[in-house]
C-alpha atoms as a PDB file:
ATOM      1  CA  MET A   1      -0.153  -0.024   0.235  1.00  0.00           C
ATOM      2  CA  SER A   2       1.122   3.423  -0.841  1.00  0.00           C
ATOM      3  CA  ALA A   3       1.766   6.496   0.934  1.00  0.00           C
ATOM      4  CA  LEU A   4      -0.802   8.120  -0.299  1.00  0.00           C
ATOM      5  CA  GLU A   5      -2.938   5.124  -0.339  1.00  0.00           C
ATOM      6  CA  LEU A   6      -2.317   5.174   3.672  1.00  0.00           C
ATOM      7  CA  ILE A   7      -3.397   8.873   3.835  1.00  0.00           C
ATOM      8  CA  LEU A   8      -6.755   7.736   2.197  1.00  0.00           C
ATOM      9  CA  LEU A   9      -7.561   4.849   4.000  1.00  0.00           C
ATOM     10  CA  PRO A  10      -9.688   5.903   6.917  1.00  0.00           C
ATOM     11  CA  PHE A  11     -11.371   8.997   4.924  1.00  0.00           C
ATOM     12  CA  ARG A  12     -12.601   5.839   2.789  1.00  0.00           C
ATOM     13  CA  VAL A  13     -13.439   3.898   5.944  1.00  0.00           C
ATOM     14  CA  LEU A  14     -15.495   6.525   7.019  1.00  0.00           C
ATOM     15  CA  TYR A  15     -17.172   6.686   3.912  1.00  0.00           C
ATOM     16  CA  LYS A  16     -17.647   3.285   3.485  1.00  0.00           C
ATOM     17  CA  LEU A  17     -19.155   3.377   6.989  1.00  0.00           C
ATOM     18  CA  TYR A  18     -21.211   6.446   5.646  1.00  0.00           C
ATOM     19  CA  CYS A  19     -22.672   4.677   2.977  1.00  0.00           C
ATOM     20  CA  LEU A  20     -23.761   1.197   4.926  1.00  0.00           C
ATOM     21  CA  LEU A  21     -25.379   3.527   7.491  1.00  0.00           C
ATOM     22  CA  PHE A  22     -27.373   5.195   5.451  1.00  0.00           C
ATOM     23  CA  PHE A  23     -28.294   2.456   3.008  1.00  0.00           C
ATOM     24  CA  ALA A  24     -29.403   0.440   5.986  1.00  0.00           C
ATOM     25  CA  ILE A  25     -31.375   3.287   8.180  1.00  0.00           C
ATOM     26  CA  SER A  26     -32.824   5.041   4.854  1.00  0.00           C
ATOM     27  CA  LEU A  27     -34.591   0.954   3.817  1.00  0.00           C
ATOM     28  CA  ILE A  28     -35.812   0.617   7.001  1.00  0.00           C
ATOM     29  CA  LEU A  29     -37.509   3.900   6.831  1.00  0.00           C
ATOM     30  CA  LEU A  30     -38.974   2.812   3.371  1.00  0.00           C
ATOM     31  CA  TYR A  31     -39.573  -0.680   4.362  1.00  0.00           C
ATOM     32  CA  PRO A  32     -43.162  -0.606   5.507  1.00  0.00           C
ATOM     33  CA  PHE A  33     -44.035   1.869   2.316  1.00  0.00           C
ATOM     34  CA  PHE A  34     -42.711  -1.498  -0.099  1.00  0.00           C
ATOM     35  CA  LYS A  35     -43.871  -3.453   1.574  1.00  0.00           C
ATOM     36  CA  PHE A  36     -46.906  -2.442   0.756  1.00  0.00           C
ATOM     37  CA  LEU A  37     -46.729  -1.544  -2.484  1.00  0.00           C
ATOM     38  CA  LEU A  38     -45.092  -5.133  -3.348  1.00  0.00           C
ATOM     39  CA  ALA A  39     -47.728  -6.698  -1.867  1.00  0.00           C
ATOM     40  CA  LYS A  40     -49.949  -6.718  -5.366  1.00  0.00           C
ATOM     41  CA  PRO A  41     -48.790  -6.431  -8.584  1.00  0.00           C
ATOM     42  CA  GLY A  42     -51.074  -3.834  -9.802  1.00  0.00           C
ATOM     43  CA  ARG A  43     -48.830  -1.293  -7.043  1.00  0.00           C
ATOM     44  CA  TYR A  44     -45.713  -2.249  -9.036  1.00  0.00           C
ATOM     45  CA  PRO A  45     -45.575   1.031 -11.120  1.00  0.00           C
ATOM     46  CA  TYR A  46     -45.636   3.101  -7.781  1.00  0.00           C
ATOM     47  CA  ALA A  47     -42.899   0.874  -5.836  1.00  0.00           C
ATOM     48  CA  PHE A  48     -41.229   1.782  -9.058  1.00  0.00           C
ATOM     49  CA  LYS A  49     -41.278   5.348  -8.569  1.00  0.00           C
ATOM     50  CA  VAL A  50     -40.953   5.070  -5.316  1.00  0.00           C
ATOM     51  CA  MET A  51     -37.943   3.160  -6.224  1.00  0.00           C
ATOM     52  CA  ARG A  52     -36.768   5.961  -8.303  1.00  0.00           C
ATOM     53  CA  PHE A  53     -36.514   8.184  -5.656  1.00  0.00           C
ATOM     54  CA  TYR A  54     -34.961   6.230  -2.978  1.00  0.00           C
ATOM     55  CA  ALA A  55     -32.132   5.421  -5.773  1.00  0.00           C
ATOM     56  CA  TRP A  56     -32.065   9.150  -6.149  1.00  0.00           C
ATOM     57  CA  CYS A  57     -32.000   9.615  -2.695  1.00  0.00           C
ATOM     58  CA  PHE A  58     -29.199   7.370  -2.143  1.00  0.00           C
ATOM     59  CA  HIS A  59     -27.118   9.653  -4.689  1.00  0.00           C
ATOM     60  CA  PHE A  60     -28.134  12.649  -3.151  1.00  0.00           C
ATOM     61  CA  PHE A  61     -26.717  12.359   0.445  1.00  0.00           C
ATOM     62  CA  LEU A  62     -23.777   9.797  -0.512  1.00  0.00           C
ATOM     63  CA  ILE A  63     -22.862  12.558  -2.971  1.00  0.00           C
ATOM     64  CA  ILE A  64     -22.595  10.901  -6.018  1.00  0.00           C
ATOM     65  CA  PRO A  65     -24.236  13.139  -8.946  1.00  0.00           C
ATOM     66  CA  VAL A  66     -24.962  11.133 -12.267  1.00  0.00           C
ATOM     67  CA  ARG A  67     -24.032  12.418 -15.430  1.00  0.00           C
ATOM     68  CA  VAL A  68     -24.652  11.289 -18.227  1.00  0.00           C
ATOM     69  CA  ILE A  69     -21.681  12.130 -20.428  1.00  0.00           C
ATOM     70  CA  ALA A  70     -22.828  10.988 -24.267  1.00  0.00           C
ATOM     71  CA  ALA A  71     -25.593  13.158 -26.916  1.00  0.00           C
ATOM     72  CA  PRO A  72     -29.215  11.706 -25.988  1.00  0.00           C
ATOM     73  CA  VAL A  73     -30.187   8.743 -27.128  1.00  0.00           C
ATOM     74  CA  LYS A  74     -33.825   7.580 -28.070  1.00  0.00           C
ATOM     75  CA  LEU A  75     -35.025   4.920 -26.417  1.00  0.00           C
ATOM     76  CA  PRO A  76     -36.704   2.151 -28.229  1.00  0.00           C
ATOM     77  CA  ASP A  77     -40.910   2.582 -27.778  1.00  0.00           C
ATOM     78  CA  GLY A  78     -41.464  -1.456 -26.971  1.00  0.00           C
ATOM     79  CA  PRO A  79     -39.761  -2.996 -25.139  1.00  0.00           C
ATOM     80  CA  TYR A  80     -35.960  -3.643 -24.537  1.00  0.00           C
ATOM     81  CA  ILE A  81     -32.562  -5.154 -22.490  1.00  0.00           C
ATOM     82  CA  ILE A  82     -31.020  -2.444 -20.859  1.00  0.00           C
ATOM     83  CA  CYS A  83     -27.159  -4.375 -20.425  1.00  0.00           C
ATOM     84  CA  PRO A  84     -24.698  -2.466 -18.432  1.00  0.00           C
ATOM     85  CA  ASN A  85     -21.312  -3.395 -17.513  1.00  0.00           C
ATOM     86  CA  HIS A  86     -20.517  -4.276 -13.405  1.00  0.00           C
ATOM     87  CA  SER A  87     -18.406  -2.550 -11.640  1.00  0.00           C
ATOM     88  CA  SER A  88     -19.714  -1.084  -8.204  1.00  0.00           C
ATOM     89  CA  PHE A  89     -23.176  -1.197  -5.529  1.00  0.00           C
ATOM     90  CA  ILE A  90     -24.035   2.407  -6.966  1.00  0.00           C
ATOM     91  CA  ASP A  91     -24.611   0.413 -10.133  1.00  0.00           C
ATOM     92  CA  ILE A  92     -28.308  -0.757  -9.483  1.00  0.00           C
ATOM     93  CA  PRO A  93     -29.795   2.517  -7.787  1.00  0.00           C
ATOM     94  CA  CYS A  94     -28.106   4.552 -10.402  1.00  0.00           C
ATOM     95  CA  ILE A  95     -30.072   2.558 -12.841  1.00  0.00           C
ATOM     96  CA  TYR A  96     -33.210   3.288 -10.972  1.00  0.00           C
ATOM     97  CA  LEU A  97     -32.063   6.987 -11.681  1.00  0.00           C
ATOM     98  CA  ILE A  98     -31.409   6.573 -15.148  1.00  0.00           C
ATOM     99  CA  PHE A  99     -33.886   4.818 -16.515  1.00  0.00           C
ATOM    100  CA  LYS A 100     -37.463   6.447 -16.312  1.00  0.00           C
ATOM    101  CA  LYS A 101     -39.423   3.690 -17.537  1.00  0.00           C
ATOM    102  CA  TYR A 102     -40.968   0.796 -15.704  1.00  0.00           C
ATOM    103  CA  PHE A 103     -38.673  -2.102 -15.818  1.00  0.00           C
ATOM    104  CA  THR A 104     -38.089  -5.178 -14.457  1.00  0.00           C
ATOM    105  CA  PHE A 105     -34.838  -6.242 -12.785  1.00  0.00           C
ATOM    106  CA  VAL A 106     -33.007  -9.498 -13.323  1.00  0.00           C
ATOM    107  CA  GLY A 107     -30.568 -10.979 -10.602  1.00  0.00           C
ATOM    108  CA  LYS A 108     -28.676 -13.681  -8.951  1.00  0.00           C
ATOM    109  CA  LYS A 109     -31.302 -16.067  -6.785  1.00  0.00           C
ATOM    110  CA  GLU A 110     -28.152 -15.220  -3.748  1.00  0.00           C
ATOM    111  CA  ILE A 111     -30.018 -12.193  -3.137  1.00  0.00           C
ATOM    112  CA  GLU A 112     -32.451 -13.481  -1.440  1.00  0.00           C
ATOM    113  CA  LYS A 113     -29.817 -13.601   1.938  1.00  0.00           C
ATOM    114  CA  TRP A 114     -29.712  -9.850   1.688  1.00  0.00           C
ATOM    115  CA  PRO A 115     -31.478  -8.447   4.746  1.00  0.00           C
ATOM    116  CA  LEU A 116     -34.393  -5.802   3.794  1.00  0.00           C
ATOM    117  CA  PHE A 117     -32.945  -5.304   0.318  1.00  0.00           C
ATOM    118  CA  ARG A 118     -34.331  -9.189  -1.178  1.00  0.00           C
ATOM    119  CA  ILE A 119     -38.158  -7.674  -0.716  1.00  0.00           C
ATOM    120  CA  PHE A 120     -37.459  -5.621  -4.209  1.00  0.00           C
ATOM    121  CA  TYR A 121     -36.651  -9.293  -5.804  1.00  0.00           C
ATOM    122  CA  THR A 122     -38.618 -11.964  -3.427  1.00  0.00           C
ATOM    123  CA  SER A 123     -42.250 -10.149  -3.761  1.00  0.00           C
ATOM    124  CA  GLY A 124     -42.616 -11.429  -7.622  1.00  0.00           C
ATOM    125  CA  MET A 125     -41.831  -7.574  -9.402  1.00  0.00           C
ATOM    126  CA  ASN A 126     -38.082  -8.659 -10.076  1.00  0.00           C
ATOM    127  CA  ILE A 127     -37.078 -11.559 -11.499  1.00  0.00           C
ATOM    128  CA  LEU A 128     -34.304 -13.762  -9.530  1.00  0.00           C
ATOM    129  CA  VAL A 129     -32.055 -16.701 -11.923  1.00  0.00           C
ATOM    130  CA  ASP A 130     -31.059 -19.565  -9.616  1.00  0.00           C
ATOM    131  CA  ARG A 131     -27.835 -20.451 -11.782  1.00  0.00           C
ATOM    132  CA  HIS A 132     -28.028 -24.162  -9.914  1.00  0.00           C
ATOM    133  CA  SER A 133     -30.607 -25.714 -10.877  1.00  0.00           C
ATOM    134  CA  ALA A 134     -32.386 -25.600 -14.457  1.00  0.00           C
ATOM    135  CA  ALA A 135     -35.795 -25.792 -13.707  1.00  0.00           C
ATOM    136  CA  GLY A 136     -35.461 -22.784 -11.541  1.00  0.00           C
ATOM    137  CA  ALA A 137     -33.885 -21.254 -14.764  1.00  0.00           C
ATOM    138  CA  VAL A 138     -36.407 -22.366 -17.021  1.00  0.00           C
ATOM    139  CA  GLN A 139     -39.354 -21.071 -14.477  1.00  0.00           C
ATOM    140  CA  ALA A 140     -37.394 -17.525 -14.755  1.00  0.00           C
ATOM    141  CA  LEU A 141     -37.239 -17.486 -18.095  1.00  0.00           C
ATOM    142  CA  ARG A 142     -40.635 -17.682 -18.898  1.00  0.00           C
ATOM    143  CA  ARG A 143     -41.589 -15.070 -16.376  1.00  0.00           C
ATOM    144  CA  MET A 144     -38.966 -13.181 -18.354  1.00  0.00           C
ATOM    145  CA  MET A 145     -40.447 -13.776 -21.703  1.00  0.00           C
ATOM    146  CA  ALA A 146     -43.638 -13.196 -19.777  1.00  0.00           C
ATOM    147  CA  GLU A 147     -42.081  -9.350 -19.047  1.00  0.00           C
ATOM    148  CA  VAL A 148     -41.057  -9.191 -22.764  1.00  0.00           C
ATOM    149  CA  ASP A 149     -44.479  -9.606 -23.625  1.00  0.00           C
ATOM    150  CA  MET A 150     -46.449  -6.779 -21.581  1.00  0.00           C
ATOM    151  CA  ASN A 151     -43.865  -4.613 -23.249  1.00  0.00           C
ATOM    152  CA  HIS A 152     -41.705  -4.367 -19.676  1.00  0.00           C
ATOM    153  CA  PRO A 153     -37.704  -3.807 -20.005  1.00  0.00           C
ATOM    154  CA  LEU A 154     -35.752  -5.781 -18.993  1.00  0.00           C
ATOM    155  CA  MET A 155     -32.809  -5.157 -17.059  1.00  0.00           C
ATOM    156  CA  ILE A 156     -30.108  -7.978 -16.750  1.00  0.00           C
ATOM    157  CA  PHE A 157     -26.105  -7.539 -15.849  1.00  0.00           C
ATOM    158  CA  PRO A 158     -24.301  -9.580 -18.464  1.00  0.00           C
ATOM    159  CA  GLU A 159     -21.748 -10.294 -16.387  1.00  0.00           C
ATOM    160  CA  GLY A 160     -23.653 -11.405 -13.901  1.00  0.00           C
ATOM    161  CA  THR A 161     -22.166 -10.157 -10.800  1.00  0.00           C
ATOM    162  CA  ILE A 162     -20.151  -7.279  -9.783  1.00  0.00           C
ATOM    163  CA  THR A 163     -16.564  -7.493 -11.103  1.00  0.00           C
ATOM    164  CA  LYS A 164     -13.381  -7.884  -9.042  1.00  0.00           C
ATOM    165  CA  ASN A 165     -11.485  -6.026 -11.190  1.00  0.00           C
ATOM    166  CA  ALA A 166     -12.789  -3.769 -12.354  1.00  0.00           C
ATOM    167  CA  PRO A 167     -12.311  -1.816 -14.815  1.00  0.00           C
ATOM    168  CA  HIS A 168     -11.804  -4.918 -16.713  1.00  0.00           C
ATOM    169  CA  MET A 169     -14.558  -6.359 -17.132  1.00  0.00           C
ATOM    170  CA  GLY A 170     -15.965  -9.999 -16.797  1.00  0.00           C
ATOM    171  CA  PRO A 171     -17.231 -13.227 -18.016  1.00  0.00           C
ATOM    172  CA  PHE A 172     -20.151 -12.486 -19.783  1.00  0.00           C
ATOM    173  CA  LYS A 173     -23.208 -14.485 -19.202  1.00  0.00           C
ATOM    174  CA  GLN A 174     -25.554 -15.459 -22.438  1.00  0.00           C
ATOM    175  CA  GLY A 175     -29.052 -14.881 -20.701  1.00  0.00           C
ATOM    176  CA  ALA A 176     -29.713 -11.583 -21.796  1.00  0.00           C
ATOM    177  CA  PHE A 177     -28.917 -12.449 -25.819  1.00  0.00           C
ATOM    178  CA  GLN A 178     -30.886 -15.080 -26.000  1.00  0.00           C
ATOM    179  CA  ILE A 179     -33.576 -13.613 -24.559  1.00  0.00           C
ATOM    180  CA  ALA A 180     -33.390 -10.232 -26.934  1.00  0.00           C
ATOM    181  CA  ILE A 181     -32.465 -12.802 -30.083  1.00  0.00           C
ATOM    182  CA  GLN A 182     -36.144 -15.259 -28.975  1.00  0.00           C
ATOM    183  CA  LYS A 183     -37.747 -11.827 -28.636  1.00  0.00           C
ATOM    184  CA  GLN A 184     -36.116  -9.776 -32.076  1.00  0.00           C
ATOM    185  CA  ILE A 185     -35.926  -7.094 -29.094  1.00  0.00           C
ATOM    186  CA  PRO A 186     -33.682  -4.550 -28.919  1.00  0.00           C
ATOM    187  CA  ILE A 187     -30.946  -4.286 -26.094  1.00  0.00           C
ATOM    188  CA  VAL A 188     -29.209  -0.794 -24.984  1.00  0.00           C
ATOM    189  CA  PRO A 189     -25.606  -1.246 -23.532  1.00  0.00           C
ATOM    190  CA  VAL A 190     -25.184   1.183 -20.759  1.00  0.00           C
ATOM    191  CA  THR A 191     -21.493   2.055 -20.038  1.00  0.00           C
ATOM    192  CA  PHE A 192     -20.715   2.429 -15.926  1.00  0.00           C
ATOM    193  CA  LEU A 193     -17.028   4.788 -16.452  1.00  0.00           C
ATOM    194  CA  ASN A 194     -16.299   5.108 -12.894  1.00  0.00           C
ATOM    195  CA  ASN A 195     -18.572   3.827  -9.927  1.00  0.00           C
ATOM    196  CA  TYR A 196     -15.655   1.243  -8.691  1.00  0.00           C
ATOM    197  CA  ARG A 197     -14.541   4.299  -8.049  1.00  0.00           C
ATOM    198  CA  ARG A 198     -17.214   5.858  -5.771  1.00  0.00           C
ATOM    199  CA  LEU A 199     -17.752   2.228  -4.193  1.00  0.00           C
ATOM    200  CA  GLU A 200     -15.811  -0.523  -4.988  1.00  0.00           C
ATOM    201  CA  ARG A 201     -16.722  -4.087  -4.071  1.00  0.00           C
ATOM    202  CA  LYS A 202     -13.976  -4.995  -1.822  1.00  0.00           C
ATOM    203  CA  SER A 203     -13.639  -4.944   2.469  1.00  0.00           C
ATOM    204  CA  PHE A 204     -13.989  -2.156   4.643  1.00  0.00           C
ATOM    205  CA  PHE A 205     -10.019  -1.659   4.293  1.00  0.00           C
ATOM    206  CA  HIS A 206      -8.981  -2.167   1.155  1.00  0.00           C
ATOM    207  CA  GLY A 207     -11.020  -0.702  -2.589  1.00  0.00           C
ATOM    208  CA  PHE A 208     -11.496   2.758  -2.928  1.00  0.00           C
ATOM    209  CA  ALA A 209     -14.862   4.438  -2.167  1.00  0.00           C
ATOM    210  CA  SER A 210     -15.130   8.616  -2.666  1.00  0.00           C
ATOM    211  CA  PRO A 211     -17.912  11.413  -3.281  1.00  0.00           C
ATOM    212  CA  GLY A 212     -17.695  12.200  -6.839  1.00  0.00           C
ATOM    213  CA  ILE A 213     -19.284  12.386 -10.055  1.00  0.00           C
ATOM    214  CA  SER A 214     -20.527   9.100 -11.934  1.00  0.00           C
ATOM    215  CA  ASP A 215     -19.947   8.871 -16.227  1.00  0.00           C
ATOM    216  CA  VAL A 216     -22.607   7.114 -17.286  1.00  0.00           C
ATOM    217  CA  ILE A 217     -22.871   6.284 -20.846  1.00  0.00           C
ATOM    218  CA  ILE A 218     -26.027   5.135 -22.456  1.00  0.00           C
ATOM    219  CA  HIS A 219     -25.262   3.652 -25.892  1.00  0.00           C
ATOM    220  CA  GLU A 220     -27.259   3.837 -28.893  1.00  0.00           C
ATOM    221  CA  PRO A 221     -29.697   0.293 -28.917  1.00  0.00           C
ATOM    222  CA  VAL A 222     -28.222  -3.016 -30.821  1.00  0.00           C
ATOM    223  CA  SER A 223     -31.265  -4.205 -33.034  1.00  0.00           C
ATOM    224  CA  THR A 224     -31.459  -7.849 -33.208  1.00  0.00           C
ATOM    225  CA  LYS A 225     -34.080  -8.078 -36.367  1.00  0.00           C
ATOM    226  CA  GLY A 226     -33.360 -10.817 -38.404  1.00  0.00           C
ATOM    227  CA  LEU A 227     -31.142 -12.799 -36.062  1.00  0.00           C
ATOM    228  CA  THR A 228     -30.831 -16.269 -34.686  1.00  0.00           C
ATOM    229  CA  LYS A 229     -29.542 -18.120 -32.444  1.00  0.00           C
ATOM    230  CA  ASN A 230     -26.365 -19.089 -34.179  1.00  0.00           C
ATOM    231  CA  ASP A 231     -25.728 -15.082 -34.089  1.00  0.00           C
ATOM    232  CA  LEU A 232     -25.707 -15.371 -30.600  1.00  0.00           C
ATOM    233  CA  PRO A 233     -22.190 -15.223 -29.719  1.00  0.00           C
ATOM    234  CA  GLU A 234     -21.359 -11.984 -32.853  1.00  0.00           C
ATOM    235  CA  LEU A 235     -24.180 -10.220 -30.592  1.00  0.00           C
ATOM    236  CA  GLU A 236     -22.658 -10.538 -27.051  1.00  0.00           C
ATOM    237  CA  LYS A 237     -19.296  -9.735 -28.859  1.00  0.00           C
ATOM    238  CA  ARG A 238     -20.727  -6.608 -30.124  1.00  0.00           C
ATOM    239  CA  VAL A 239     -22.489  -5.188 -27.126  1.00  0.00           C
ATOM    240  CA  ARG A 240     -19.367  -6.145 -25.018  1.00  0.00           C
ATOM    241  CA  ASP A 241     -17.261  -4.187 -27.060  1.00  0.00           C
ATOM    242  CA  ILE A 242     -19.287  -1.710 -27.327  1.00  0.00           C
ATOM    243  CA  ILE A 243     -19.969  -0.839 -23.203  1.00  0.00           C
ATOM    244  CA  GLU A 244     -16.165  -1.881 -23.074  1.00  0.00           C
ATOM    245  CA  LYS A 245     -14.207   0.153 -25.953  1.00  0.00           C
ATOM    246  CA  PRO A 246     -14.681   3.802 -23.502  1.00  0.00           C
ATOM    247  CA  LEU A 247     -13.916   1.698 -19.904  1.00  0.00           C
ATOM    248  CA  LEU A 248     -10.410   1.532 -22.184  1.00  0.00           C
ATOM    249  CA  GLN A 249      -9.567   4.749 -24.233  1.00  0.00           C
ATOM    250  CA  ARG A 250      -9.787   5.780 -20.240  1.00  0.00           C
ATOM    251  CA  LEU A 251      -7.105   2.985 -19.175  1.00  0.00           C
ATOM    252  CA  LYS A 252      -5.288   4.357 -22.606  1.00  0.00           C
ATOM    253  CA  ALA A 253      -5.434   7.653 -21.516  1.00  0.00           C
ATOM    254  CA  GLY A 254      -4.413   7.187 -18.633  1.00  0.00           C
ATOM    255  CA  HIS A 255      -7.622   8.804 -16.939  1.00  0.00           C
ATOM    256  CA  PHE A 256      -8.616   6.492 -14.374  1.00  0.00           C
END
């Protein structure tokens, strides 16, 4: 550990503690509202609005303003798949902040073990995928197809989990691309350029953590019209290249 890192360490630890306390206390305070709104499917759109408000509070009180740094993108009118890189704990609230249209979040089944936070994914509003169960994966796939049929976008991290090697990306899983091809819906790639520097996935005494601007690029939608399952590897590579290119450019320029 360098001298600079030693100097910054106590500030990073205090900031992480502040983030954890804010998340826990605010979620406890809002939990009754979420419990009520997530009790029935008809209330899900209202729950989504409260979740967007919660995301705004999260970024405001953690002093992490979000800045979309690319030209405005026209999002598809129908369903689509939001496909971002996953490098930080703040990626999820960031997504809720920048996408206004109701979407269904697809996450890993392990989220069920997270106290309080699990309500967002066990209520039925969002979808959890059990990667260790073929039957569970099929059931989740059917749910995703049903959400698309209801004109709801899906939000899927193609890496499946937060990478431990940010800003480098982890390997992609094919689920998002299989659904996109099967339903012939576009993919909207998203690049979080520096979220890992705001709140990295590491222990209290390791990793980046600091207030600051969260820079985001929302890329042009990638069409899947006419593609078949034979085009899946090419589609996956194309989306990955789009998301990864700005990260590699920043690395090359030494901006990280």
